[in-house]
């Protein structure tokens, strides 16, 4: 299993829109071998690690 890059409660940036959001849930997708993340502003959408970036 890969290491989780982001943690719940962490504020990150959505690369496509440059929006600041807070991660509310993360889940390891076993067959894709990567994590998906749910954020506060869009709880019905999930993002993969490459779609988010750390702020700062």
PDB file of N, CA and C in Angstrom:
ATOM      1  N   UNK A   1       0.840  -1.188   0.000  1.00  0.00           N
ATOM      2  CA  UNK A   1       0.000   0.000   0.000  1.00  0.00           C
ATOM      3  C   UNK A   1       0.882   1.247   0.000  1.00  0.00           C
ATOM      4  N   UNK A   2       0.533   2.222  -0.818  1.00  0.00           N
ATOM      5  CA  UNK A   2       1.273   3.478  -0.869  1.00  0.00           C
ATOM      6  C   UNK A   2       0.997   4.318   0.365  1.00  0.00           C
ATOM      7  N   UNK A   3       1.874   5.264   0.629  1.00  0.00           N
ATOM      8  CA  UNK A   3       1.717   6.171   1.753  1.00  0.00           C
ATOM      9  C   UNK A   3       0.680   7.241   1.403  1.00  0.00           C
ATOM     10  N   UNK A   4      -0.184   7.545   2.346  1.00  0.00           N
ATOM     11  CA  UNK A   4      -1.189   8.585   2.196  1.00  0.00           C
ATOM     12  C   UNK A   4      -0.485   9.945   2.196  1.00  0.00           C
ATOM     13  N   UNK A   5      -0.668  10.754   1.165  1.00  0.00           N
ATOM     14  CA  UNK A   5       0.001  12.055   1.055  1.00  0.00           C
ATOM     15  C   UNK A   5      -0.688  13.113   1.901  1.00  0.00           C
ATOM     16  N   UNK A   6      -2.012  13.126   1.907  1.00  0.00           N
ATOM     17  CA  UNK A   6      -2.790  14.135   2.626  1.00  0.00           C
ATOM     18  C   UNK A   6      -3.543  13.494   3.786  1.00  0.00           C
ATOM     19  N   UNK A   7      -3.861  14.286   4.804  1.00  0.00           N
ATOM     20  CA  UNK A   7      -4.576  13.775   5.973  1.00  0.00           C
ATOM     21  C   UNK A   7      -5.912  14.480   6.138  1.00  0.00           C
ATOM     22  N   UNK A   8      -6.826  13.843   6.850  1.00  0.00           N
ATOM     23  CA  UNK A   8      -8.123  14.460   7.130  1.00  0.00           C
ATOM     24  C   UNK A   8      -7.908  15.745   7.915  1.00  0.00           C
ATOM     25  N   UNK A   9      -8.641  16.791   7.534  1.00  0.00           N
ATOM     26  CA  UNK A   9      -8.517  18.083   8.185  1.00  0.00           C
ATOM     27  C   UNK A   9      -7.464  18.984   7.563  1.00  0.00           C
ATOM     28  N   UNK A  10      -6.658  18.455   6.644  1.00  0.00           N
ATOM     29  CA  UNK A  10      -5.611  19.250   6.003  1.00  0.00           C
ATOM     30  C   UNK A  10      -6.221  20.149   4.926  1.00  0.00           C
ATOM     31  N   UNK A  11      -5.754  21.386   4.862  1.00  0.00           N
ATOM     32  CA  UNK A  11      -6.196  22.324   3.839  1.00  0.00           C
ATOM     33  C   UNK A  11      -5.256  22.192   2.644  1.00  0.00           C
ATOM     34  N   UNK A  12      -5.855  21.946   1.472  1.00  0.00           N
ATOM     35  CA  UNK A  12      -5.083  21.726   0.244  1.00  0.00           C
ATOM     36  C   UNK A  12      -5.667  22.582  -0.878  1.00  0.00           C
ATOM     37  N   UNK A  13      -5.007  22.556  -2.024  1.00  0.00           N
ATOM     38  CA  UNK A  13      -5.455  23.314  -3.191  1.00  0.00           C
ATOM     39  C   UNK A  13      -5.864  22.337  -4.294  1.00  0.00           C
ATOM     40  N   UNK A  14      -7.030  22.595  -4.901  1.00  0.00           N
ATOM     41  CA  UNK A  14      -7.440  21.826  -6.080  1.00  0.00           C
ATOM     42  C   UNK A  14      -6.687  22.432  -7.266  1.00  0.00           C
ATOM     43  N   UNK A  15      -5.873  21.641  -7.929  1.00  0.00           N
ATOM     44  CA  UNK A  15      -5.014  22.144  -9.011  1.00  0.00           C
ATOM     45  C   UNK A  15      -5.812  22.816 -10.135  1.00  0.00           C
ATOM     46  N   UNK A  16      -6.917  22.244 -10.553  1.00  0.00           N
ATOM     47  CA  UNK A  16      -7.672  22.742 -11.700  1.00  0.00           C
ATOM     48  C   UNK A  16      -8.286  24.119 -11.461  1.00  0.00           C
ATOM     49  N   UNK A  17      -8.690  24.390 -10.224  1.00  0.00           N
ATOM     50  CA  UNK A  17      -9.400  25.645  -9.938  1.00  0.00           C
ATOM     51  C   UNK A  17      -8.650  26.582  -9.001  1.00  0.00           C
ATOM     52  N   UNK A  18      -7.556  26.117  -8.413  1.00  0.00           N
ATOM     53  CA  UNK A  18      -6.781  26.897  -7.442  1.00  0.00           C
ATOM     54  C   UNK A  18      -7.568  27.221  -6.172  1.00  0.00           C
ATOM     55  N   UNK A  19      -8.577  26.424  -5.857  1.00  0.00           N
ATOM     56  CA  UNK A  19      -9.408  26.637  -4.665  1.00  0.00           C
ATOM     57  C   UNK A  19      -8.794  25.978  -3.443  1.00  0.00           C
ATOM     58  N   UNK A  20      -8.921  26.649  -2.307  1.00  0.00           N
ATOM     59  CA  UNK A  20      -8.534  26.052  -1.032  1.00  0.00           C
ATOM     60  C   UNK A  20      -9.706  25.237  -0.510  1.00  0.00           C
ATOM     61  N   UNK A  21      -9.444  24.004  -0.142  1.00  0.00           N
ATOM     62  CA  UNK A  21     -10.477  23.118   0.411  1.00  0.00           C
ATOM     63  C   UNK A  21      -9.875  22.321   1.559  1.00  0.00           C
ATOM     64  N   UNK A  22     -10.731  21.745   2.378  1.00  0.00           N
ATOM     65  CA  UNK A  22     -10.296  20.913   3.492  1.00  0.00           C
ATOM     66  C   UNK A  22     -10.668  19.467   3.210  1.00  0.00           C
ATOM     67  N   UNK A  23      -9.728  18.572   3.392  1.00  0.00           N
ATOM     68  CA  UNK A  23      -9.992  17.146   3.189  1.00  0.00           C
ATOM     69  C   UNK A  23     -10.831  16.637   4.358  1.00  0.00           C
ATOM     70  N   UNK A  24     -11.950  15.990   4.029  1.00  0.00           N
ATOM     71  CA  UNK A  24     -12.813  15.459   5.087  1.00  0.00           C
ATOM     72  C   UNK A  24     -12.753  13.929   5.165  1.00  0.00           C
ATOM     73  N   UNK A  25     -12.278  13.287   4.104  1.00  0.00           N
ATOM     74  CA  UNK A  25     -12.215  11.826   4.100  1.00  0.00           C
ATOM     75  C   UNK A  25     -11.187  11.363   3.081  1.00  0.00           C
ATOM     76  N   UNK A  26     -10.459  10.294   3.405  1.00  0.00           N
ATOM     77  CA  UNK A  26      -9.573   9.691   2.415  1.00  0.00           C
ATOM     78  C   UNK A  26      -9.832   8.194   2.381  1.00  0.00           C
ATOM     79  N   UNK A  27      -9.565   7.598   1.235  1.00  0.00           N
ATOM     80  CA  UNK A  27      -9.852   6.178   1.048  1.00  0.00           C
ATOM     81  C   UNK A  27      -8.835   5.592   0.083  1.00  0.00           C
ATOM     82  N   UNK A  28      -8.265   4.444   0.446  1.00  0.00           N
ATOM     83  CA  UNK A  28      -7.332   3.760  -0.445  1.00  0.00           C
ATOM     84  C   UNK A  28      -8.116   2.919  -1.437  1.00  0.00           C
ATOM     85  N   UNK A  29      -7.893   3.160  -2.735  1.00  0.00           N
ATOM     86  CA  UNK A  29      -8.554   2.407  -3.799  1.00  0.00           C
ATOM     87  C   UNK A  29      -7.589   1.295  -4.194  1.00  0.00           C
ATOM     88  N   UNK A  30      -7.865   0.102  -3.708  1.00  0.00           N
ATOM     89  CA  UNK A  30      -6.931  -1.012  -3.839  1.00  0.00           C
ATOM     90  C   UNK A  30      -6.596  -1.362  -5.283  1.00  0.00           C
ATOM     91  N   UNK A  31      -7.604  -1.464  -6.147  1.00  0.00           N
ATOM     92  CA  UNK A  31      -7.331  -1.878  -7.530  1.00  0.00           C
ATOM     93  C   UNK A  31      -6.610  -0.802  -8.340  1.00  0.00           C
ATOM     94  N   UNK A  32      -6.648   0.461  -7.884  1.00  0.00           N
ATOM     95  CA  UNK A  32      -5.924   1.542  -8.564  1.00  0.00           C
ATOM     96  C   UNK A  32      -4.616   1.879  -7.845  1.00  0.00           C
ATOM     97  N   UNK A  33      -4.437   1.298  -6.657  1.00  0.00           N
ATOM     98  CA  UNK A  33      -3.230   1.478  -5.846  1.00  0.00           C
ATOM     99  C   UNK A  33      -2.912   2.945  -5.562  1.00  0.00           C
ATOM    100  N   UNK A  34      -3.947   3.693  -5.206  1.00  0.00           N
ATOM    101  CA  UNK A  34      -3.771   5.094  -4.815  1.00  0.00           C
ATOM    102  C   UNK A  34      -4.943   5.544  -3.953  1.00  0.00           C
ATOM    103  N   UNK A  35      -4.775   6.698  -3.342  1.00  0.00           N
ATOM    104  CA  UNK A  35      -5.802   7.238  -2.457  1.00  0.00           C
ATOM    105  C   UNK A  35      -6.735   8.176  -3.205  1.00  0.00           C
ATOM    106  N   UNK A  36      -7.987   8.186  -2.773  1.00  0.00           N
ATOM    107  CA  UNK A  36      -8.938   9.199  -3.226  1.00  0.00           C
ATOM    108  C   UNK A  36      -9.299  10.048  -2.010  1.00  0.00           C
ATOM    109  N   UNK A  37      -9.678  11.283  -2.275  1.00  0.00           N
ATOM    110  CA  UNK A  37      -9.962  12.233  -1.200  1.00  0.00           C
ATOM    111  C   UNK A  37     -11.289  12.928  -1.455  1.00  0.00           C
ATOM    112  N   UNK A  38     -12.055  13.139  -0.388  1.00  0.00           N
ATOM    113  CA  UNK A  38     -13.290  13.907  -0.432  1.00  0.00           C
ATOM    114  C   UNK A  38     -13.023  15.215   0.294  1.00  0.00           C
ATOM    115  N   UNK A  39     -13.506  16.325  -0.271  1.00  0.00           N
ATOM    116  CA  UNK A  39     -13.248  17.645   0.319  1.00  0.00           C
ATOM    117  C   UNK A  39     -14.556  18.306   0.758  1.00  0.00           C
ATOM    118  N   UNK A  40     -14.420  19.280   1.651  1.00  0.00           N
ATOM    119  CA  UNK A  40     -15.590  19.906   2.251  1.00  0.00           C
ATOM    120  C   UNK A  40     -16.500  20.639   1.261  1.00  0.00           C
ATOM    121  N   UNK A  41     -15.955  21.331   0.286  1.00  0.00           N
ATOM    122  CA  UNK A  41     -16.778  22.123  -0.640  1.00  0.00           C
ATOM    123  C   UNK A  41     -17.529  21.262  -1.648  1.00  0.00           C
ATOM    124  N   UNK A  42     -17.016  20.085  -1.940  1.00  0.00           N
ATOM    125  CA  UNK A  42     -17.621  19.206  -2.939  1.00  0.00           C
ATOM    126  C   UNK A  42     -17.709  17.774  -2.389  1.00  0.00           C
ATOM    127  N   UNK A  43     -18.556  17.544  -1.402  1.00  0.00           N
ATOM    128  CA  UNK A  43     -18.580  16.233  -0.728  1.00  0.00           C
ATOM    129  C   UNK A  43     -19.062  15.072  -1.599  1.00  0.00           C
ATOM    130  N   UNK A  44     -19.691  15.349  -2.725  1.00  0.00           N
ATOM    131  CA  UNK A  44     -20.150  14.261  -3.594  1.00  0.00           C
ATOM    132  C   UNK A  44     -19.133  13.923  -4.675  1.00  0.00           C
ATOM    133  N   UNK A  45     -17.996  14.612  -4.673  1.00  0.00           N
ATOM    134  CA  UNK A  45     -16.936  14.392  -5.655  1.00  0.00           C
ATOM    135  C   UNK A  45     -15.688  13.899  -4.933  1.00  0.00           C
ATOM    136  N   UNK A  46     -14.898  13.056  -5.591  1.00  0.00           N
ATOM    137  CA  UNK A  46     -13.633  12.661  -4.988  1.00  0.00           C
ATOM    138  C   UNK A  46     -12.497  13.064  -5.917  1.00  0.00           C
ATOM    139  N   UNK A  47     -11.340  13.248  -5.331  1.00  0.00           N
ATOM    140  CA  UNK A  47     -10.153  13.672  -6.063  1.00  0.00           C
ATOM    141  C   UNK A  47      -9.022  12.697  -5.788  1.00  0.00           C
ATOM    142  N   UNK A  48      -8.153  12.497  -6.770  1.00  0.00           N
ATOM    143  CA  UNK A  48      -6.960  11.694  -6.569  1.00  0.00           C
ATOM    144  C   UNK A  48      -5.798  12.612  -6.209  1.00  0.00           C
ATOM    145  N   UNK A  49      -4.724  12.025  -5.700  1.00  0.00           N
ATOM    146  CA  UNK A  49      -3.570  12.782  -5.210  1.00  0.00           C
ATOM    147  C   UNK A  49      -3.037  13.780  -6.226  1.00  0.00           C
ATOM    148  N   UNK A  50      -2.988  13.391  -7.500  1.00  0.00           N
ATOM    149  CA  UNK A  50      -2.420  14.280  -8.515  1.00  0.00           C
ATOM    150  C   UNK A  50      -3.310  15.483  -8.838  1.00  0.00           C
ATOM    151  N   UNK A  51      -4.568  15.462  -8.367  1.00  0.00           N
ATOM    152  CA  UNK A  51      -5.471  16.587  -8.592  1.00  0.00           C
ATOM    153  C   UNK A  51      -5.403  17.625  -7.470  1.00  0.00           C
ATOM    154  N   UNK A  52      -4.669  17.307  -6.415  1.00  0.00           N
ATOM    155  CA  UNK A  52      -4.544  18.195  -5.262  1.00  0.00           C
ATOM    156  C   UNK A  52      -3.086  18.534  -5.035  1.00  0.00           C
ATOM    157  N   UNK A  53      -2.846  19.637  -4.327  1.00  0.00           N
ATOM    158  CA  UNK A  53      -1.478  19.949  -3.938  1.00  0.00           C
ATOM    159  C   UNK A  53      -1.480  20.634  -2.580  1.00  0.00           C
ATOM    160  N   UNK A  54      -0.379  20.484  -1.877  1.00  0.00           N
ATOM    161  CA  UNK A  54      -0.228  21.120  -0.567  1.00  0.00           C
ATOM    162  C   UNK A  54      -0.124  22.620  -0.763  1.00  0.00           C
ATOM    163  N   UNK A  55      -0.674  23.354   0.175  1.00  0.00           N
ATOM    164  CA  UNK A  55      -0.565  24.812   0.079  1.00  0.00           C
ATOM    165  C   UNK A  55       0.710  25.274   0.736  1.00  0.00           C
ATOM    166  N   UNK A  56       1.112  26.470   0.370  1.00  0.00           N
ATOM    167  CA  UNK A  56       2.262  27.027   1.042  1.00  0.00           C
ATOM    168  C   UNK A  56       3.467  26.997   0.237  1.00  0.00           C
TER     169      UNK A  56
END
